[in-house]
Amino acid sequence: MAKLNYHHLQYFYAIATHGSIAKAAIVMHITPQTLSAQLTLLETQ
């Protein structure tokens, strides 16, 4: 099991704040696929 880190919480907060994975990914300068994968990891914790 992967450990929860600060980045996972940042990603979750960005998605909640911006209302979508696509918008949060633009703001965070990462791809939506990367953000979605990180959200999936967070959900499995």
N, C-alpha and C. Protein backbone atom coordinates (compact mmCIF):
# COMPACT_ATOMS: atom_id res chain seq x y z
N MET A 1 0.85 -1.18 0.00
CA MET A 1 0.00 0.00 0.00
C MET A 1 0.89 1.24 0.00
N ALA A 2 0.60 2.17 -0.89
CA ALA A 2 1.36 3.41 -0.97
C ALA A 2 1.00 4.33 0.20
N LYS A 3 1.98 5.09 0.63
CA LYS A 3 1.74 6.02 1.74
C LYS A 3 1.11 7.30 1.22
N LEU A 4 0.22 7.85 2.00
CA LEU A 4 -0.40 9.13 1.69
C LEU A 4 0.64 10.23 1.86
N ASN A 5 0.70 11.13 0.91
CA ASN A 5 1.63 12.24 1.06
C ASN A 5 0.92 13.57 0.81
N TYR A 6 1.65 14.63 1.03
CA TYR A 6 1.10 15.98 0.92
C TYR A 6 0.56 16.27 -0.48
N HIS A 7 1.20 15.71 -1.49
CA HIS A 7 0.76 15.96 -2.86
C HIS A 7 -0.66 15.42 -3.10
N HIS A 8 -0.98 14.28 -2.52
CA HIS A 8 -2.32 13.73 -2.69
C HIS A 8 -3.37 14.71 -2.15
N LEU A 9 -3.07 15.31 -1.02
CA LEU A 9 -4.02 16.27 -0.44
C LEU A 9 -4.10 17.53 -1.29
N GLN A 10 -2.97 17.97 -1.85
CA GLN A 10 -2.99 19.13 -2.75
C GLN A 10 -3.85 18.84 -3.98
N TYR A 11 -3.71 17.66 -4.53
CA TYR A 11 -4.47 17.28 -5.72
C TYR A 11 -5.96 17.26 -5.40
N PHE A 12 -6.32 16.65 -4.28
CA PHE A 12 -7.72 16.58 -3.88
C PHE A 12 -8.30 17.98 -3.69
N TYR A 13 -7.55 18.84 -3.01
CA TYR A 13 -8.01 20.21 -2.77
C TYR A 13 -8.19 20.97 -4.08
N ALA A 14 -7.26 20.80 -5.00
CA ALA A 14 -7.36 21.49 -6.29
C ALA A 14 -8.59 21.04 -7.06
N ILE A 15 -8.87 19.75 -7.06
CA ILE A 15 -10.06 19.24 -7.76
C ILE A 15 -11.33 19.81 -7.12
N ALA A 16 -11.38 19.80 -5.80
CA ALA A 16 -12.56 20.32 -5.10
C ALA A 16 -12.72 21.82 -5.33
N THR A 17 -11.64 22.55 -5.33
CA THR A 17 -11.69 24.00 -5.50
C THR A 17 -12.09 24.41 -6.91
N HIS A 18 -11.54 23.73 -7.90
CA HIS A 18 -11.76 24.12 -9.30
C HIS A 18 -12.94 23.39 -9.94
N GLY A 19 -13.47 22.38 -9.28
CA GLY A 19 -14.69 21.74 -9.75
C GLY A 19 -14.53 20.63 -10.77
N SER A 20 -13.32 20.43 -11.25
CA SER A 20 -13.11 19.33 -12.20
C SER A 20 -11.64 18.96 -12.24
N ILE A 21 -11.39 17.75 -12.67
CA ILE A 21 -10.01 17.28 -12.82
C ILE A 21 -9.31 18.07 -13.91
N ALA A 22 -10.01 18.35 -14.99
CA ALA A 22 -9.39 19.06 -16.11
C ALA A 22 -8.93 20.46 -15.71
N LYS A 23 -9.79 21.21 -15.02
CA LYS A 23 -9.43 22.56 -14.60
C LYS A 23 -8.31 22.53 -13.57
N ALA A 24 -8.39 21.60 -12.62
CA ALA A 24 -7.34 21.50 -11.60
C ALA A 24 -6.00 21.13 -12.23
N ALA A 25 -6.02 20.27 -13.23
CA ALA A 25 -4.78 19.87 -13.90
C ALA A 25 -4.13 21.05 -14.59
N ILE A 26 -4.93 21.90 -15.21
CA ILE A 26 -4.38 23.09 -15.88
C ILE A 26 -3.70 23.99 -14.86
N VAL A 27 -4.36 24.24 -13.75
CA VAL A 27 -3.82 25.11 -12.72
C VAL A 27 -2.54 24.53 -12.11
N MET A 28 -2.50 23.21 -11.95
CA MET A 28 -1.35 22.56 -11.33
C MET A 28 -0.24 22.21 -12.33
N HIS A 29 -0.48 22.49 -13.60
CA HIS A 29 0.51 22.22 -14.66
C HIS A 29 0.88 20.74 -14.75
N ILE A 30 -0.14 19.88 -14.65
CA ILE A 30 0.04 18.45 -14.85
C ILE A 30 -1.07 17.97 -15.77
N THR A 31 -0.95 16.76 -16.28
CA THR A 31 -1.98 16.24 -17.18
C THR A 31 -3.19 15.75 -16.38
N PRO A 32 -4.37 15.79 -16.98
CA PRO A 32 -5.55 15.25 -16.31
C PRO A 32 -5.39 13.77 -15.97
N GLN A 33 -4.69 13.03 -16.82
CA GLN A 33 -4.47 11.61 -16.57
C GLN A 33 -3.65 11.39 -15.30
N THR A 34 -2.63 12.21 -15.12
CA THR A 34 -1.81 12.11 -13.91
C THR A 34 -2.63 12.44 -12.68
N LEU A 35 -3.40 13.49 -12.76
CA LEU A 35 -4.23 13.90 -11.63
C LEU A 35 -5.27 12.84 -11.30
N SER A 36 -5.87 12.27 -12.31
CA SER A 36 -6.85 11.21 -12.11
C SER A 36 -6.22 9.99 -11.44
N ALA A 37 -5.03 9.63 -11.88
CA ALA A 37 -4.33 8.48 -11.30
C ALA A 37 -4.00 8.74 -9.83
N GLN A 38 -3.58 9.95 -9.52
CA GLN A 38 -3.26 10.29 -8.13
C GLN A 38 -4.52 10.29 -7.26
N LEU A 39 -5.64 10.72 -7.82
CA LEU A 39 -6.90 10.69 -7.09
C LEU A 39 -7.31 9.24 -6.81
N THR A 40 -7.10 8.37 -7.77
CA THR A 40 -7.39 6.95 -7.58
C THR A 40 -6.56 6.38 -6.45
N LEU A 41 -5.27 6.74 -6.40
CA LEU A 41 -4.41 6.28 -5.30
C LEU A 41 -4.93 6.78 -3.96
N LEU A 42 -5.38 8.03 -3.92
CA LEU A 42 -5.92 8.58 -2.68
C LEU A 42 -7.17 7.83 -2.26
N GLU A 43 -8.02 7.48 -3.21
CA GLU A 43 -9.26 6.77 -2.90
C GLU A 43 -9.00 5.39 -2.33
N THR A 44 -7.89 4.78 -2.68
CA THR A 44 -7.59 3.43 -2.19
C THR A 44 -6.99 3.44 -0.79
N GLN A 45 -6.67 4.61 -0.27
CA GLN A 45 -6.07 4.72 1.07
C GLN A 45 -7.12 4.51 2.14
